[in-house]
Amino acid sequence: MKLLPASGHKRMPWKNGGGETIEIAVFPQSASLSDFDWRVSMAIVASDGPFSAFPGIDRTLSILEGNGMTLLIDGRDPARLTQADAPLAFPADVATSANLIDGTIVDLNVMTRRGKLTHLVRRLDVEREGTLTSKAATALIFCHRGAVTLDGNGQTLALSAGDAVLASGPVATALKTPARCELLLIEIDVAQGA
């Protein structure tokens, strides 16, 4: 398991220049916005507008801060997405725009190359103690709120809000938190037939 501290996340402009993204992890490590296999990032969205298009990419969006937004995804009914909602998956190469519900939001964005990889994003609430297991080829554990200690895979790592852990292969770890923490588990696997 590799610790990805919040202080090391990379800030860069959106692909369409409309805002700023904070890259938590990308693979391959030196990949650009046009040639990554997978990417996990956060974005601050301060105004309504279109999403950047990523040909051949699937994406999942989760609201981290703020009152959320309504997503207008071509070919679908409008989708309201708030902190209380499950992460929303949709193709990143379909015309998509967002209308903020009430003020600026921060979102978590997970993207994988279609036909090569798949991904799943889950929210996990931990009170005091818990366990986390994943059989995915790659797992990223993002600490959204609170602090947590992970003890597993022969390592002990402490995470604060904004930190992440990147793990290859199966993960089985005990979780301990002083009170309560909110995590997002991102699991990335090779697509069937790839």
N, C-alpha and C. Protein backbone atom coordinates (compact mmCIF):
# COMPACT_ATOMS: atom_id res chain seq x y z
N MET A 1 0.85 -1.19 0.00
CA MET A 1 0.00 0.00 0.00
C MET A 1 0.89 1.24 0.00
N LYS A 2 0.55 2.19 -0.83
CA LYS A 2 1.35 3.42 -0.96
C LYS A 2 0.52 4.61 -0.51
N LEU A 3 1.04 5.39 0.44
CA LEU A 3 0.35 6.58 0.92
C LEU A 3 0.47 7.71 -0.10
N LEU A 4 -0.66 8.36 -0.41
CA LEU A 4 -0.69 9.52 -1.31
C LEU A 4 -1.19 10.71 -0.48
N PRO A 5 -0.29 11.44 0.17
CA PRO A 5 -0.73 12.54 1.04
C PRO A 5 -1.37 13.68 0.26
N ALA A 6 -2.33 14.35 0.90
CA ALA A 6 -3.03 15.46 0.24
C ALA A 6 -2.06 16.52 -0.24
N SER A 7 -0.97 16.73 0.50
CA SER A 7 0.01 17.75 0.12
C SER A 7 0.72 17.44 -1.19
N GLY A 8 0.68 16.18 -1.62
CA GLY A 8 1.35 15.79 -2.85
C GLY A 8 0.45 15.75 -4.07
N HIS A 9 -0.86 15.97 -3.89
CA HIS A 9 -1.77 15.95 -5.03
C HIS A 9 -1.43 17.08 -6.00
N LYS A 10 -1.57 16.81 -7.28
CA LYS A 10 -1.14 17.74 -8.34
C LYS A 10 -2.31 18.62 -8.81
N ARG A 11 -2.12 19.92 -8.76
CA ARG A 11 -3.14 20.87 -9.24
C ARG A 11 -2.88 21.21 -10.70
N MET A 12 -3.96 21.21 -11.50
CA MET A 12 -3.80 21.50 -12.93
C MET A 12 -5.12 22.02 -13.49
N PRO A 13 -5.09 22.72 -14.64
CA PRO A 13 -6.34 23.23 -15.21
C PRO A 13 -7.19 22.11 -15.79
N TRP A 14 -8.51 22.32 -15.82
CA TRP A 14 -9.41 21.38 -16.49
C TRP A 14 -9.00 21.26 -17.95
N LYS A 15 -9.38 20.15 -18.55
CA LYS A 15 -9.10 19.95 -19.97
C LYS A 15 -9.72 21.06 -20.81
N ASN A 16 -10.93 21.52 -20.42
CA ASN A 16 -11.58 22.59 -21.19
C ASN A 16 -11.23 24.00 -20.67
N GLY A 17 -10.35 24.08 -19.66
CA GLY A 17 -9.89 25.36 -19.15
C GLY A 17 -10.87 26.07 -18.23
N GLY A 18 -11.99 25.42 -17.91
CA GLY A 18 -13.04 26.08 -17.14
C GLY A 18 -12.87 26.07 -15.63
N GLY A 19 -11.82 25.45 -15.14
CA GLY A 19 -11.61 25.39 -13.70
C GLY A 19 -10.32 24.66 -13.38
N GLU A 20 -10.22 24.22 -12.11
CA GLU A 20 -9.00 23.55 -11.66
C GLU A 20 -9.34 22.15 -11.15
N THR A 21 -8.45 21.21 -11.46
CA THR A 21 -8.59 19.85 -10.98
C THR A 21 -7.40 19.51 -10.09
N ILE A 22 -7.65 18.67 -9.11
CA ILE A 22 -6.60 18.22 -8.20
C ILE A 22 -6.44 16.72 -8.43
N GLU A 23 -5.34 16.35 -9.07
CA GLU A 23 -5.10 14.95 -9.43
C GLU A 23 -4.56 14.19 -8.22
N ILE A 24 -5.29 13.16 -7.80
CA ILE A 24 -4.87 12.32 -6.68
C ILE A 24 -3.94 11.22 -7.16
N ALA A 25 -4.32 10.57 -8.26
CA ALA A 25 -3.49 9.50 -8.83
C ALA A 25 -3.87 9.30 -10.28
N VAL A 26 -2.88 8.86 -11.07
CA VAL A 26 -3.10 8.58 -12.49
C VAL A 26 -2.21 7.41 -12.88
N PHE A 27 -2.67 6.63 -13.86
CA PHE A 27 -1.87 5.52 -14.37
C PHE A 27 -1.96 5.49 -15.88
N PRO A 28 -0.82 5.33 -16.59
CA PRO A 28 0.54 5.34 -16.07
C PRO A 28 0.87 6.66 -15.36
N GLN A 29 1.86 6.60 -14.49
CA GLN A 29 2.15 7.72 -13.59
C GLN A 29 2.43 9.04 -14.31
N SER A 30 3.01 8.98 -15.49
CA SER A 30 3.36 10.20 -16.22
C SER A 30 2.32 10.55 -17.29
N ALA A 31 1.16 9.89 -17.26
CA ALA A 31 0.16 10.08 -18.31
C ALA A 31 -0.42 11.49 -18.30
N SER A 32 -0.81 11.95 -19.49
CA SER A 32 -1.47 13.25 -19.64
C SER A 32 -2.98 13.04 -19.61
N LEU A 33 -3.74 14.13 -19.76
CA LEU A 33 -5.20 14.04 -19.76
C LEU A 33 -5.75 13.31 -20.98
N SER A 34 -4.91 13.05 -21.97
CA SER A 34 -5.40 12.37 -23.18
C SER A 34 -4.97 10.91 -23.29
N ASP A 35 -4.02 10.47 -22.46
CA ASP A 35 -3.53 9.10 -22.66
C ASP A 35 -3.48 8.24 -21.39
N PHE A 36 -4.21 8.61 -20.34
CA PHE A 36 -4.21 7.80 -19.12
C PHE A 36 -5.05 6.53 -19.31
N ASP A 37 -4.73 5.50 -18.52
CA ASP A 37 -5.57 4.31 -18.43
C ASP A 37 -6.63 4.50 -17.35
N TRP A 38 -6.21 5.10 -16.22
CA TRP A 38 -7.18 5.49 -15.19
C TRP A 38 -6.69 6.75 -14.48
N ARG A 39 -7.66 7.47 -13.88
CA ARG A 39 -7.34 8.73 -13.21
C ARG A 39 -8.35 8.98 -12.10
N VAL A 40 -7.88 9.44 -10.96
CA VAL A 40 -8.73 9.83 -9.82
C VAL A 40 -8.38 11.27 -9.47
N SER A 41 -9.40 12.14 -9.43
CA SER A 41 -9.13 13.55 -9.18
C SER A 41 -10.31 14.19 -8.46
N MET A 42 -10.07 15.39 -7.95
CA MET A 42 -11.12 16.23 -7.37
C MET A 42 -11.21 17.51 -8.19
N ALA A 43 -12.39 18.10 -8.19
CA ALA A 43 -12.55 19.38 -8.89
C ALA A 43 -13.43 20.30 -8.06
N ILE A 44 -13.09 21.58 -8.09
CA ILE A 44 -13.93 22.62 -7.50
C ILE A 44 -14.77 23.19 -8.64
N VAL A 45 -16.09 23.09 -8.51
CA VAL A 45 -16.99 23.59 -9.55
C VAL A 45 -17.73 24.79 -8.96
N ALA A 46 -17.47 25.97 -9.53
CA ALA A 46 -18.01 27.20 -8.98
C ALA A 46 -19.11 27.81 -9.84
N SER A 47 -19.34 27.25 -11.03
CA SER A 47 -20.38 27.81 -11.91
C SER A 47 -20.95 26.71 -12.79
N ASP A 48 -22.15 26.96 -13.32
CA ASP A 48 -22.78 26.02 -14.25
C ASP A 48 -21.94 25.95 -15.53
N GLY A 49 -22.02 24.81 -16.21
CA GLY A 49 -21.31 24.74 -17.49
C GLY A 49 -21.06 23.32 -17.95
N PRO A 50 -20.44 23.20 -19.14
CA PRO A 50 -20.20 21.88 -19.72
C PRO A 50 -19.03 21.16 -19.08
N PHE A 51 -19.08 19.83 -19.13
CA PHE A 51 -17.96 19.00 -18.69
C PHE A 51 -16.98 18.85 -19.85
N SER A 52 -15.71 18.62 -19.53
CA SER A 52 -14.73 18.25 -20.55
C SER A 52 -15.10 16.89 -21.12
N ALA A 53 -14.88 16.71 -22.42
CA ALA A 53 -15.14 15.42 -23.06
C ALA A 53 -13.85 14.60 -23.08
N PHE A 54 -13.98 13.31 -22.73
CA PHE A 54 -12.86 12.38 -22.74
C PHE A 54 -13.25 11.17 -23.60
N PRO A 55 -12.84 11.15 -24.88
CA PRO A 55 -13.20 10.03 -25.76
C PRO A 55 -12.74 8.68 -25.23
N GLY A 56 -13.65 7.68 -25.27
CA GLY A 56 -13.31 6.33 -24.86
C GLY A 56 -13.14 6.13 -23.37
N ILE A 57 -13.67 7.05 -22.57
CA ILE A 57 -13.50 7.00 -21.11
C ILE A 57 -14.85 6.86 -20.41
N ASP A 58 -14.89 6.03 -19.37
CA ASP A 58 -16.05 5.96 -18.47
C ASP A 58 -15.70 6.70 -17.19
N ARG A 59 -16.70 7.39 -16.60
CA ARG A 59 -16.41 8.20 -15.42
C ARG A 59 -17.47 7.98 -14.36
N THR A 60 -17.08 8.18 -13.11
CA THR A 60 -18.01 8.16 -11.98
C THR A 60 -17.76 9.40 -11.14
N LEU A 61 -18.84 10.08 -10.78
CA LEU A 61 -18.76 11.34 -10.04
C LEU A 61 -19.41 11.18 -8.68
N SER A 62 -18.77 11.73 -7.65
CA SER A 62 -19.30 11.76 -6.29
C SER A 62 -19.16 13.18 -5.76
N ILE A 63 -20.17 13.66 -5.04
CA ILE A 63 -20.10 15.00 -4.44
C ILE A 63 -19.43 14.88 -3.07
N LEU A 64 -18.38 15.69 -2.86
CA LEU A 64 -17.66 15.69 -1.58
C LEU A 64 -18.08 16.84 -0.69
N GLU A 65 -18.28 18.02 -1.26
CA GLU A 65 -18.63 19.22 -0.48
C GLU A 65 -19.68 20.02 -1.25
N GLY A 66 -20.50 20.76 -0.53
CA GLY A 66 -21.49 21.63 -1.16
C GLY A 66 -22.84 20.94 -1.33
N ASN A 67 -23.77 21.68 -1.94
CA ASN A 67 -25.16 21.22 -2.05
C ASN A 67 -25.44 20.37 -3.28
N GLY A 68 -24.43 20.14 -4.11
CA GLY A 68 -24.60 19.25 -5.24
C GLY A 68 -24.94 19.96 -6.53
N MET A 69 -25.31 19.14 -7.52
CA MET A 69 -25.61 19.69 -8.84
C MET A 69 -26.56 18.76 -9.58
N THR A 70 -27.15 19.31 -10.61
CA THR A 70 -27.97 18.52 -11.52
C THR A 70 -27.17 18.29 -12.79
N LEU A 71 -26.98 17.02 -13.14
CA LEU A 71 -26.21 16.69 -14.33
C LEU A 71 -27.15 16.48 -15.51
N LEU A 72 -26.84 17.11 -16.61
CA LEU A 72 -27.59 16.96 -17.85
C LEU A 72 -26.71 16.15 -18.79
N ILE A 73 -26.99 14.83 -18.85
CA ILE A 73 -26.20 13.90 -19.64
C ILE A 73 -27.02 13.54 -20.88
N ASP A 74 -26.45 13.77 -22.06
CA ASP A 74 -27.16 13.54 -23.31
C ASP A 74 -27.75 12.12 -23.34
N GLY A 75 -29.06 12.02 -23.63
CA GLY A 75 -29.71 10.73 -23.74
C GLY A 75 -30.28 10.20 -22.43
N ARG A 76 -30.12 10.97 -21.33
CA ARG A 76 -30.64 10.55 -20.03
C ARG A 76 -31.52 11.64 -19.43
N ASP A 77 -32.35 11.25 -18.47
CA ASP A 77 -33.10 12.24 -17.69
C ASP A 77 -32.11 13.00 -16.82
N PRO A 78 -32.42 14.28 -16.48
CA PRO A 78 -31.53 15.02 -15.58
C PRO A 78 -31.32 14.23 -14.28
N ALA A 79 -30.08 14.24 -13.78
CA ALA A 79 -29.72 13.49 -12.56
C ALA A 79 -29.25 14.46 -11.49
N ARG A 80 -29.95 14.46 -10.37
CA ARG A 80 -29.55 15.30 -9.23
C ARG A 80 -28.54 14.52 -8.40
N LEU A 81 -27.40 15.12 -8.11
CA LEU A 81 -26.33 14.45 -7.39
C LEU A 81 -25.92 15.30 -6.20
N THR A 82 -26.06 14.72 -4.98
CA THR A 82 -25.68 15.42 -3.74
C THR A 82 -24.75 14.52 -2.93
N GLN A 83 -24.30 15.04 -1.77
CA GLN A 83 -23.44 14.24 -0.90
C GLN A 83 -24.14 12.99 -0.39
N ALA A 84 -25.46 13.03 -0.33
CA ALA A 84 -26.23 11.89 0.18
C ALA A 84 -26.42 10.79 -0.87
N ASP A 85 -26.13 11.09 -2.13
CA ASP A 85 -26.37 10.14 -3.22
C ASP A 85 -25.18 9.23 -3.46
N ALA A 86 -25.49 8.05 -3.98
CA ALA A 86 -24.44 7.12 -4.41
C ALA A 86 -23.69 7.73 -5.59
N PRO A 87 -22.42 7.38 -5.76
CA PRO A 87 -21.66 7.85 -6.92
C PRO A 87 -22.40 7.53 -8.23
N LEU A 88 -22.30 8.44 -9.21
CA LEU A 88 -23.02 8.31 -10.47
C LEU A 88 -22.04 8.00 -11.60
N ALA A 89 -22.29 6.89 -12.31
CA ALA A 89 -21.43 6.48 -13.43
C ALA A 89 -22.07 6.89 -14.75
N PHE A 90 -21.24 7.37 -15.68
CA PHE A 90 -21.72 7.74 -17.02
C PHE A 90 -20.54 7.85 -17.98
N PRO A 91 -20.79 7.77 -19.31
CA PRO A 91 -19.69 7.88 -20.27
C PRO A 91 -19.14 9.31 -20.30
N ALA A 92 -17.82 9.43 -20.31
CA ALA A 92 -17.19 10.76 -20.30
C ALA A 92 -17.11 11.37 -21.69
N ASP A 93 -17.56 10.62 -22.72
CA ASP A 93 -17.52 11.16 -24.08
C ASP A 93 -18.91 11.51 -24.61
N VAL A 94 -19.89 11.55 -23.70
CA VAL A 94 -21.25 11.99 -24.04
C VAL A 94 -21.40 13.44 -23.55
N ALA A 95 -22.03 14.29 -24.34
CA ALA A 95 -22.20 15.69 -23.95
C ALA A 95 -22.87 15.77 -22.58
N THR A 96 -22.20 16.44 -21.64
CA THR A 96 -22.67 16.54 -20.26
C THR A 96 -22.43 17.95 -19.75
N SER A 97 -23.42 18.50 -19.04
CA SER A 97 -23.23 19.79 -18.39
C SER A 97 -23.84 19.71 -16.99
N ALA A 98 -23.46 20.67 -16.16
CA ALA A 98 -23.90 20.67 -14.77
C ALA A 98 -24.52 22.01 -14.41
N ASN A 99 -25.61 21.94 -13.63
CA ASN A 99 -26.21 23.12 -13.02
C ASN A 99 -26.09 22.97 -11.52
N LEU A 100 -25.39 23.89 -10.89
CA LEU A 100 -25.21 23.82 -9.44
C LEU A 100 -26.54 24.05 -8.74
N ILE A 101 -26.79 23.31 -7.67
CA ILE A 101 -28.04 23.44 -6.93
C ILE A 101 -28.04 24.71 -6.10
N ASP A 102 -26.95 24.96 -5.37
CA ASP A 102 -26.87 26.17 -4.54
C ASP A 102 -25.43 26.38 -4.12
N GLY A 103 -24.64 27.00 -4.99
CA GLY A 103 -23.27 27.34 -4.65
C GLY A 103 -22.24 26.31 -5.09
N THR A 104 -20.98 26.66 -4.82
CA THR A 104 -19.81 25.89 -5.24
C THR A 104 -19.82 24.48 -4.63
N ILE A 105 -19.35 23.52 -5.39
CA ILE A 105 -19.21 22.15 -4.90
C ILE A 105 -17.78 21.64 -5.16
N VAL A 106 -17.43 20.57 -4.46
CA VAL A 106 -16.21 19.83 -4.74
C VAL A 106 -16.64 18.41 -5.08
N ASP A 107 -16.13 17.87 -6.18
CA ASP A 107 -16.50 16.50 -6.55
C ASP A 107 -15.26 15.62 -6.65
N LEU A 108 -15.51 14.31 -6.59
CA LEU A 108 -14.47 13.31 -6.82
C LEU A 108 -14.81 12.65 -8.14
N ASN A 109 -13.81 12.57 -9.01
CA ASN A 109 -14.00 12.09 -10.37
C ASN A 109 -13.08 10.89 -10.60
N VAL A 110 -13.67 9.75 -10.99
CA VAL A 110 -12.89 8.55 -11.30
C VAL A 110 -13.11 8.22 -12.77
N MET A 111 -12.03 8.01 -13.52
CA MET A 111 -12.14 7.72 -14.95
C MET A 111 -11.26 6.53 -15.33
N THR A 112 -11.81 5.65 -16.18
CA THR A 112 -11.05 4.52 -16.71
C THR A 112 -11.28 4.40 -18.21
N ARG A 113 -10.27 3.83 -18.89
CA ARG A 113 -10.35 3.67 -20.34
C ARG A 113 -11.27 2.50 -20.68
N ARG A 114 -12.36 2.80 -21.39
CA ARG A 114 -13.38 1.81 -21.76
C ARG A 114 -12.78 0.68 -22.60
N GLY A 115 -13.20 -0.55 -22.32
CA GLY A 115 -12.71 -1.71 -23.05
C GLY A 115 -11.42 -2.27 -22.50
N LYS A 116 -10.72 -1.46 -21.70
CA LYS A 116 -9.45 -1.88 -21.11
C LYS A 116 -9.60 -2.12 -19.60
N LEU A 117 -10.30 -1.17 -18.93
CA LEU A 117 -10.49 -1.24 -17.49
C LEU A 117 -11.94 -0.93 -17.12
N THR A 118 -12.33 -1.36 -15.93
CA THR A 118 -13.62 -0.99 -15.35
C THR A 118 -13.36 -0.48 -13.94
N HIS A 119 -14.33 0.25 -13.38
CA HIS A 119 -14.16 0.72 -12.00
C HIS A 119 -15.49 0.76 -11.26
N LEU A 120 -15.37 0.76 -9.94
CA LEU A 120 -16.52 0.86 -9.06
C LEU A 120 -16.13 1.79 -7.92
N VAL A 121 -17.04 2.70 -7.53
CA VAL A 121 -16.78 3.64 -6.44
C VAL A 121 -17.85 3.44 -5.38
N ARG A 122 -17.40 3.28 -4.12
CA ARG A 122 -18.33 3.10 -3.01
C ARG A 122 -17.97 4.03 -1.87
N ARG A 123 -19.00 4.56 -1.21
CA ARG A 123 -18.82 5.36 0.01
C ARG A 123 -18.83 4.41 1.21
N LEU A 124 -17.93 4.64 2.17
CA LEU A 124 -17.87 3.83 3.38
C LEU A 124 -17.83 4.75 4.60
N ASP A 125 -18.75 4.55 5.53
CA ASP A 125 -18.74 5.26 6.80
C ASP A 125 -18.20 4.32 7.86
N VAL A 126 -17.21 4.77 8.61
CA VAL A 126 -16.59 3.94 9.64
C VAL A 126 -16.73 4.65 10.99
N GLU A 127 -17.26 3.93 11.97
CA GLU A 127 -17.32 4.44 13.34
C GLU A 127 -16.43 3.56 14.20
N ARG A 128 -15.41 4.17 14.79
CA ARG A 128 -14.46 3.50 15.67
C ARG A 128 -13.61 2.45 14.95
N GLU A 129 -14.21 1.31 14.59
CA GLU A 129 -13.44 0.24 13.96
C GLU A 129 -14.23 -0.40 12.83
N GLY A 130 -13.51 -0.97 11.90
CA GLY A 130 -14.14 -1.68 10.79
C GLY A 130 -13.10 -2.45 10.00
N THR A 131 -13.53 -3.05 8.91
CA THR A 131 -12.61 -3.75 8.02
C THR A 131 -12.90 -3.33 6.58
N LEU A 132 -11.90 -3.43 5.77
CA LEU A 132 -12.05 -3.13 4.35
C LEU A 132 -11.34 -4.23 3.57
N THR A 133 -12.06 -4.83 2.65
CA THR A 133 -11.45 -5.83 1.78
C THR A 133 -11.77 -5.51 0.32
N SER A 134 -10.84 -5.83 -0.54
CA SER A 134 -11.04 -5.64 -1.97
C SER A 134 -10.25 -6.70 -2.72
N LYS A 135 -10.86 -7.26 -3.73
CA LYS A 135 -10.18 -8.24 -4.58
C LYS A 135 -9.76 -7.61 -5.91
N ALA A 136 -9.94 -6.30 -6.05
CA ALA A 136 -9.64 -5.62 -7.31
C ALA A 136 -8.14 -5.63 -7.61
N ALA A 137 -7.81 -5.50 -8.88
CA ALA A 137 -6.41 -5.43 -9.30
C ALA A 137 -5.73 -4.20 -8.70
N THR A 138 -6.49 -3.08 -8.64
CA THR A 138 -6.00 -1.84 -8.04
C THR A 138 -7.11 -1.27 -7.17
N ALA A 139 -6.75 -0.83 -5.97
CA ALA A 139 -7.72 -0.18 -5.09
C ALA A 139 -7.13 1.14 -4.60
N LEU A 140 -7.97 2.16 -4.57
CA LEU A 140 -7.57 3.44 -4.00
C LEU A 140 -8.57 3.77 -2.90
N ILE A 141 -8.06 4.03 -1.70
CA ILE A 141 -8.88 4.39 -0.55
C ILE A 141 -8.66 5.86 -0.29
N PHE A 142 -9.73 6.66 -0.40
CA PHE A 142 -9.64 8.11 -0.23
C PHE A 142 -10.34 8.49 1.07
N CYS A 143 -9.63 9.20 1.94
CA CYS A 143 -10.20 9.67 3.20
C CYS A 143 -10.87 11.02 2.96
N HIS A 144 -12.19 11.03 3.02
CA HIS A 144 -12.93 12.25 2.75
C HIS A 144 -13.06 13.13 4.00
N ARG A 145 -13.51 12.52 5.10
CA ARG A 145 -13.67 13.27 6.35
C ARG A 145 -13.12 12.46 7.51
N GLY A 146 -12.55 13.16 8.49
CA GLY A 146 -12.03 12.49 9.67
C GLY A 146 -10.62 11.99 9.44
N ALA A 147 -10.23 11.02 10.26
CA ALA A 147 -8.90 10.40 10.17
C ALA A 147 -9.07 8.92 10.44
N VAL A 148 -8.17 8.12 9.86
CA VAL A 148 -8.29 6.67 10.00
C VAL A 148 -6.89 6.05 9.92
N THR A 149 -6.72 4.95 10.64
CA THR A 149 -5.50 4.15 10.53
C THR A 149 -5.84 2.84 9.85
N LEU A 150 -5.08 2.49 8.83
CA LEU A 150 -5.24 1.22 8.11
C LEU A 150 -4.15 0.28 8.58
N ASP A 151 -4.53 -0.92 8.96
CA ASP A 151 -3.57 -1.92 9.42
C ASP A 151 -3.82 -3.21 8.65
N GLY A 152 -3.00 -3.46 7.64
CA GLY A 152 -3.18 -4.64 6.83
C GLY A 152 -2.14 -4.73 5.74
N ASN A 153 -2.12 -5.85 5.05
CA ASN A 153 -1.13 -6.08 3.98
C ASN A 153 0.29 -5.84 4.50
N GLY A 154 0.49 -6.11 5.81
CA GLY A 154 1.82 -5.96 6.40
C GLY A 154 2.25 -4.53 6.66
N GLN A 155 1.29 -3.59 6.61
CA GLN A 155 1.62 -2.18 6.81
C GLN A 155 0.59 -1.52 7.73
N THR A 156 1.03 -0.42 8.36
CA THR A 156 0.12 0.44 9.11
C THR A 156 0.28 1.85 8.57
N LEU A 157 -0.81 2.44 8.10
CA LEU A 157 -0.78 3.78 7.51
C LEU A 157 -1.86 4.64 8.14
N ALA A 158 -1.53 5.90 8.43
CA ALA A 158 -2.50 6.84 9.00
C ALA A 158 -2.90 7.85 7.94
N LEU A 159 -4.22 8.05 7.78
CA LEU A 159 -4.75 8.99 6.79
C LEU A 159 -5.54 10.08 7.49
N SER A 160 -5.37 11.30 7.00
CA SER A 160 -6.22 12.42 7.38
C SER A 160 -7.06 12.80 6.18
N ALA A 161 -8.01 13.70 6.37
CA ALA A 161 -8.87 14.12 5.27
C ALA A 161 -8.05 14.59 4.07
N GLY A 162 -8.36 14.05 2.90
CA GLY A 162 -7.66 14.41 1.67
C GLY A 162 -6.56 13.45 1.28
N ASP A 163 -6.10 12.64 2.24
CA ASP A 163 -5.08 11.64 1.94
C ASP A 163 -5.71 10.43 1.25
N ALA A 164 -4.88 9.65 0.57
CA ALA A 164 -5.35 8.43 -0.08
C ALA A 164 -4.28 7.36 0.05
N VAL A 165 -4.71 6.12 -0.16
CA VAL A 165 -3.80 4.98 -0.21
C VAL A 165 -4.05 4.24 -1.51
N LEU A 166 -2.99 3.90 -2.22
CA LEU A 166 -3.08 3.15 -3.46
C LEU A 166 -2.52 1.76 -3.21
N ALA A 167 -3.31 0.73 -3.56
CA ALA A 167 -2.89 -0.65 -3.31
C ALA A 167 -3.05 -1.48 -4.58
N SER A 168 -2.09 -2.39 -4.81
CA SER A 168 -2.18 -3.33 -5.92
C SER A 168 -2.54 -4.71 -5.37
N GLY A 169 -3.42 -5.39 -6.10
CA GLY A 169 -3.80 -6.74 -5.71
C GLY A 169 -4.78 -6.74 -4.54
N PRO A 170 -5.10 -7.90 -4.02
CA PRO A 170 -6.08 -7.98 -2.95
C PRO A 170 -5.67 -7.17 -1.72
N VAL A 171 -6.67 -6.55 -1.09
CA VAL A 171 -6.45 -5.74 0.11
C VAL A 171 -7.35 -6.28 1.21
N ALA A 172 -6.78 -6.44 2.40
CA ALA A 172 -7.56 -6.77 3.60
C ALA A 172 -6.94 -5.96 4.73
N THR A 173 -7.67 -4.97 5.23
CA THR A 173 -7.11 -4.09 6.23
C THR A 173 -8.13 -3.77 7.32
N ALA A 174 -7.64 -3.67 8.54
CA ALA A 174 -8.47 -3.22 9.66
C ALA A 174 -8.46 -1.70 9.67
N LEU A 175 -9.58 -1.11 10.02
CA LEU A 175 -9.72 0.35 10.07
C LEU A 175 -9.98 0.77 11.51
N LYS A 176 -9.27 1.80 11.96
CA LYS A 176 -9.52 2.37 13.28
C LYS A 176 -9.59 3.88 13.15
N THR A 177 -10.60 4.47 13.77
CA THR A 177 -10.78 5.92 13.70
C THR A 177 -11.14 6.44 15.09
N PRO A 178 -10.68 7.64 15.47
CA PRO A 178 -10.97 8.17 16.80
C PRO A 178 -12.47 8.32 17.06
N ALA A 179 -13.23 8.64 16.04
CA ALA A 179 -14.67 8.82 16.21
C ALA A 179 -15.40 8.24 15.01
N ARG A 180 -15.33 8.98 13.90
CA ARG A 180 -16.02 8.57 12.69
C ARG A 180 -15.25 9.12 11.50
N CYS A 181 -15.21 8.35 10.43
CA CYS A 181 -14.59 8.86 9.20
C CYS A 181 -15.40 8.41 8.01
N GLU A 182 -15.26 9.17 6.93
CA GLU A 182 -15.91 8.84 5.67
C GLU A 182 -14.83 8.56 4.64
N LEU A 183 -14.93 7.40 4.01
CA LEU A 183 -13.97 6.98 3.00
C LEU A 183 -14.68 6.74 1.68
N LEU A 184 -13.94 6.82 0.60
CA LEU A 184 -14.42 6.34 -0.69
C LEU A 184 -13.45 5.28 -1.16
N LEU A 185 -14.00 4.13 -1.53
CA LEU A 185 -13.21 3.02 -2.04
C LEU A 185 -13.40 2.95 -3.55
N ILE A 186 -12.29 3.05 -4.26
CA ILE A 186 -12.29 2.99 -5.72
C ILE A 186 -11.60 1.71 -6.13
N GLU A 187 -12.32 0.83 -6.83
CA GLU A 187 -11.77 -0.44 -7.26
C GLU A 187 -11.67 -0.45 -8.79
N ILE A 188 -10.47 -0.77 -9.29
CA ILE A 188 -10.20 -0.77 -10.73
C ILE A 188 -9.76 -2.17 -11.16
N ASP A 189 -10.41 -2.69 -12.17
CA ASP A 189 -10.10 -4.04 -12.66
C ASP A 189 -9.93 -4.03 -14.18
N VAL A 190 -9.29 -5.07 -14.68
CA VAL A 190 -9.17 -5.26 -16.12
C VAL A 190 -10.55 -5.62 -16.67
N ALA A 191 -10.93 -5.01 -17.76
CA ALA A 191 -12.23 -5.28 -18.37
C ALA A 191 -12.26 -6.71 -18.93
N GLN A 192 -13.44 -7.33 -18.89
CA GLN A 192 -13.56 -8.67 -19.45
C GLN A 192 -13.26 -8.63 -20.94
N GLY A 193 -12.47 -9.55 -21.39
CA GLY A 193 -12.13 -9.61 -22.81
C GLY A 193 -10.98 -8.72 -23.20
N ALA A 194 -10.46 -7.93 -22.23
CA ALA A 194 -9.35 -7.01 -22.55
C ALA A 194 -8.03 -7.75 -22.53
